Amino acid sequence: EATLDLAERRRIRSAIRELQRQELERDEETLASKRFRPERSSHRQDNKENWPQSRHLEEEQQAALAALSEQLKAITSVEELTKLLRAAGEYEERKLIRAAIRKLRAEEIEGEAPFPCSR
């Protein structure tokens, strides 16, 4: 509504400015809390005693993946690989199995392609 009273207009404007100021302060607080979160690298420094254990687990995982890779080379059936894929729990295992399936399918398609006729 339009008002002719100047004092009322001043009160309305000051109330609007106060609300805008409060909103800016809230936004600044939110940004500040996001800006000063602890970094992940400092978390790593706190857990130095766990490094040997995590390194050992990493080495075990790499050895298991290498063994799986050798096992996958011996499998020639997409159905067997699909069963392994469904049973696999780790992302890296599934990744290796999917690659083996793609390779087998590509070999099957390559084998089915007719040979070009030489004239």
C-alpha atoms as a PDB file:
ATOM      1  CA  GLU A   1       0.000   0.000   0.000  1.00  0.00           C
ATOM      2  CA  ALA A   2       1.093   3.532  -0.595  1.00  0.00           C
ATOM      3  CA  THR A   3       1.512   5.735   2.410  1.00  0.00           C
ATOM      4  CA  LEU A   4       1.891   9.486   2.594  1.00  0.00           C
ATOM      5  CA  ASP A   5       3.398   9.555   6.073  1.00  0.00           C
ATOM      6  CA  LEU A   6       7.172  10.107   5.740  1.00  0.00           C
ATOM      7  CA  ALA A   7       7.960   8.740   9.201  1.00  0.00           C
ATOM      8  CA  GLU A   8       6.206   5.479   8.360  1.00  0.00           C
ATOM      9  CA  ARG A   9       8.154   5.243   5.086  1.00  0.00           C
ATOM     10  CA  ARG A  10      11.427   5.699   6.994  1.00  0.00           C
ATOM     11  CA  ARG A  11      10.484   2.930   9.442  1.00  0.00           C
ATOM     12  CA  ILE A  12       9.613   0.580   6.572  1.00  0.00           C
ATOM     13  CA  ARG A  13      12.884   1.322   4.752  1.00  0.00           C
ATOM     14  CA  SER A  14      14.953   0.851   7.905  1.00  0.00           C
ATOM     15  CA  ALA A  15      13.153  -2.442   8.612  1.00  0.00           C
ATOM     16  CA  ILE A  16      13.914  -3.617   5.060  1.00  0.00           C
ATOM     17  CA  ARG A  17      17.590  -2.601   5.441  1.00  0.00           C
ATOM     18  CA  GLU A  18      17.795  -4.457   8.759  1.00  0.00           C
ATOM     19  CA  LEU A  19      16.359  -7.631   7.199  1.00  0.00           C
ATOM     20  CA  GLN A  20      18.828  -7.383   4.297  1.00  0.00           C
ATOM     21  CA  ARG A  21      21.713  -6.871   6.741  1.00  0.00           C
ATOM     22  CA  GLN A  22      20.673  -9.932   8.761  1.00  0.00           C
ATOM     23  CA  GLU A  23      20.420 -12.000   5.587  1.00  0.00           C
ATOM     24  CA  LEU A  24      23.916 -10.907   4.519  1.00  0.00           C
ATOM     25  CA  GLU A  25      25.316 -11.810   7.933  1.00  0.00           C
ATOM     26  CA  ARG A  26      23.767 -15.292   7.719  1.00  0.00           C
ATOM     27  CA  ASP A  27      25.220 -15.780   4.236  1.00  0.00           C
ATOM     28  CA  GLU A  28      28.661 -14.665   5.434  1.00  0.00           C
ATOM     29  CA  GLU A  29      28.500 -17.053   8.404  1.00  0.00           C
ATOM     30  CA  THR A  30      27.557 -19.910   6.098  1.00  0.00           C
ATOM     31  CA  LEU A  31      30.434 -19.127   3.751  1.00  0.00           C
ATOM     32  CA  ALA A  32      32.865 -18.797   6.638  1.00  0.00           C
ATOM     33  CA  SER A  33      31.871 -22.178   8.050  1.00  0.00           C
ATOM     34  CA  LYS A  34      32.390 -23.777   4.636  1.00  0.00           C
ATOM     35  CA  ARG A  35      35.637 -21.953   4.007  1.00  0.00           C
ATOM     36  CA  PHE A  36      37.355 -23.053   7.207  1.00  0.00           C
ATOM     37  CA  ARG A  37      36.550 -26.747   7.269  1.00  0.00           C
ATOM     38  CA  PRO A  38      39.523 -28.927   8.189  1.00  0.00           C
ATOM     39  CA  GLU A  39      41.378 -30.302   5.206  1.00  0.00           C
ATOM     40  CA  ARG A  40      41.620 -33.999   4.525  1.00  0.00           C
ATOM     41  CA  SER A  41      45.400 -33.909   4.554  1.00  0.00           C
ATOM     42  CA  SER A  42      45.387 -32.865   8.223  1.00  0.00           C
ATOM     43  CA  HIS A  43      43.176 -35.896   8.940  1.00  0.00           C
ATOM     44  CA  ARG A  44      45.843 -38.030   7.322  1.00  0.00           C
ATOM     45  CA  GLN A  45      48.501 -36.539   9.582  1.00  0.00           C
ATOM     46  CA  ASP A  46      46.409 -37.397  12.631  1.00  0.00           C
ATOM     47  CA  ASN A  47      46.290 -41.045  11.559  1.00  0.00           C
ATOM     48  CA  LYS A  48      49.987 -41.646  10.930  1.00  0.00           C
ATOM     49  CA  GLU A  49      49.887 -44.773  13.045  1.00  0.00           C
ATOM     50  CA  ASN A  50      47.397 -46.302  10.597  1.00  0.00           C
ATOM     51  CA  TRP A  51      49.562 -45.758   7.509  1.00  0.00           C
ATOM     52  CA  PRO A  52      51.449 -49.078   7.695  1.00  0.00           C
ATOM     53  CA  GLN A  53      48.182 -50.951   8.112  1.00  0.00           C
ATOM     54  CA  SER A  54      46.527 -49.182   5.177  1.00  0.00           C
ATOM     55  CA  ARG A  55      49.635 -49.713   3.031  1.00  0.00           C
ATOM     56  CA  HIS A  56      49.542 -53.433   3.899  1.00  0.00           C
ATOM     57  CA  LEU A  57      45.842 -53.634   2.989  1.00  0.00           C
ATOM     58  CA  GLU A  58      46.552 -51.865  -0.294  1.00  0.00           C
ATOM     59  CA  GLU A  59      49.294 -54.360  -1.146  1.00  0.00           C
ATOM     60  CA  GLU A  60      46.980 -57.273  -0.322  1.00  0.00           C
ATOM     61  CA  GLN A  61      44.282 -55.804  -2.551  1.00  0.00           C
ATOM     62  CA  GLN A  62      46.747 -55.363  -5.428  1.00  0.00           C
ATOM     63  CA  ALA A  63      47.877 -58.978  -5.054  1.00  0.00           C
ATOM     64  CA  ALA A  64      44.273 -60.195  -5.029  1.00  0.00           C
ATOM     65  CA  LEU A  65      43.489 -58.167  -8.153  1.00  0.00           C
ATOM     66  CA  ALA A  66      46.536 -59.577  -9.939  1.00  0.00           C
ATOM     67  CA  ALA A  67      45.433 -63.117  -9.059  1.00  0.00           C
ATOM     68  CA  LEU A  68      41.906 -62.353 -10.271  1.00  0.00           C
ATOM     69  CA  SER A  69      43.293 -60.972 -13.515  1.00  0.00           C
ATOM     70  CA  GLU A  70      45.198 -64.214 -14.139  1.00  0.00           C
ATOM     71  CA  GLN A  71      42.078 -66.229 -13.300  1.00  0.00           C
ATOM     72  CA  LEU A  72      39.987 -64.162 -15.735  1.00  0.00           C
ATOM     73  CA  LYS A  73      42.420 -64.844 -18.590  1.00  0.00           C
ATOM     74  CA  ALA A  74      41.659 -68.564 -18.276  1.00  0.00           C
ATOM     75  CA  ILE A  75      37.865 -68.116 -18.449  1.00  0.00           C
ATOM     76  CA  THR A  76      36.415 -68.210 -21.956  1.00  0.00           C
ATOM     77  CA  SER A  77      32.701 -68.060 -21.177  1.00  0.00           C
ATOM     78  CA  VAL A  78      30.758 -64.824 -20.847  1.00  0.00           C
ATOM     79  CA  GLU A  79      28.243 -66.626 -18.630  1.00  0.00           C
ATOM     80  CA  GLU A  80      30.930 -67.607 -16.134  1.00  0.00           C
ATOM     81  CA  LEU A  81      32.265 -64.071 -16.102  1.00  0.00           C
ATOM     82  CA  THR A  82      28.765 -62.720 -15.553  1.00  0.00           C
ATOM     83  CA  LYS A  83      28.338 -65.012 -12.554  1.00  0.00           C
ATOM     84  CA  LEU A  84      31.648 -63.779 -11.153  1.00  0.00           C
ATOM     85  CA  LEU A  85      30.561 -60.194 -11.761  1.00  0.00           C
ATOM     86  CA  ARG A  86      27.360 -60.675  -9.788  1.00  0.00           C
ATOM     87  CA  ALA A  87      29.284 -62.261  -6.913  1.00  0.00           C
ATOM     88  CA  ALA A  88      32.042 -59.621  -6.831  1.00  0.00           C
ATOM     89  CA  GLY A  89      31.850 -57.110  -4.026  1.00  0.00           C
ATOM     90  CA  GLU A  90      34.667 -54.662  -4.707  1.00  0.00           C
ATOM     91  CA  TYR A  91      34.563 -52.003  -7.397  1.00  0.00           C
ATOM     92  CA  GLU A  92      38.013 -52.880  -8.745  1.00  0.00           C
ATOM     93  CA  GLU A  93      37.062 -56.566  -9.060  1.00  0.00           C
ATOM     94  CA  ARG A  94      33.903 -55.696 -10.992  1.00  0.00           C
ATOM     95  CA  LYS A  95      35.923 -53.360 -13.188  1.00  0.00           C
ATOM     96  CA  LEU A  96      38.358 -56.154 -14.136  1.00  0.00           C
ATOM     97  CA  ILE A  97      35.550 -58.616 -14.793  1.00  0.00           C
ATOM     98  CA  ARG A  98      33.635 -56.147 -16.987  1.00  0.00           C
ATOM     99  CA  ALA A  99      36.815 -55.534 -18.996  1.00  0.00           C
ATOM    100  CA  ALA A 100      37.243 -59.297 -19.469  1.00  0.00           C
ATOM    101  CA  ILE A 101      33.618 -59.609 -20.633  1.00  0.00           C
ATOM    102  CA  ARG A 102      34.104 -56.774 -23.134  1.00  0.00           C
ATOM    103  CA  LYS A 103      37.269 -58.423 -24.426  1.00  0.00           C
ATOM    104  CA  LEU A 104      35.555 -61.803 -24.876  1.00  0.00           C
ATOM    105  CA  ARG A 105      32.592 -60.235 -26.659  1.00  0.00           C
ATOM    106  CA  ALA A 106      34.916 -58.321 -28.964  1.00  0.00           C
ATOM    107  CA  GLU A 107      36.770 -61.547 -29.762  1.00  0.00           C
ATOM    108  CA  GLU A 108      33.462 -63.319 -30.449  1.00  0.00           C
ATOM    109  CA  ILE A 109      32.351 -60.547 -32.787  1.00  0.00           C
ATOM    110  CA  GLU A 110      35.728 -60.577 -34.497  1.00  0.00           C
ATOM    111  CA  GLY A 111      35.486 -64.352 -34.962  1.00  0.00           C
ATOM    112  CA  GLU A 112      31.977 -64.134 -36.439  1.00  0.00           C
ATOM    113  CA  ALA A 113      32.853 -61.434 -38.956  1.00  0.00           C
ATOM    114  CA  PRO A 114      33.100 -62.813 -42.481  1.00  0.00           C
ATOM    115  CA  PHE A 115      36.533 -62.764 -44.016  1.00  0.00           C
ATOM    116  CA  PRO A 116      36.929 -60.299 -46.873  1.00  0.00           C
ATOM    117  CA  CYS A 117      36.992 -61.937 -50.272  1.00  0.00           C
ATOM    118  CA  SER A 118      40.064 -61.346 -52.329  1.00  0.00           C
ATOM    119  CA  ARG A 119      39.526 -60.917 -56.029  1.00  0.00           C
END
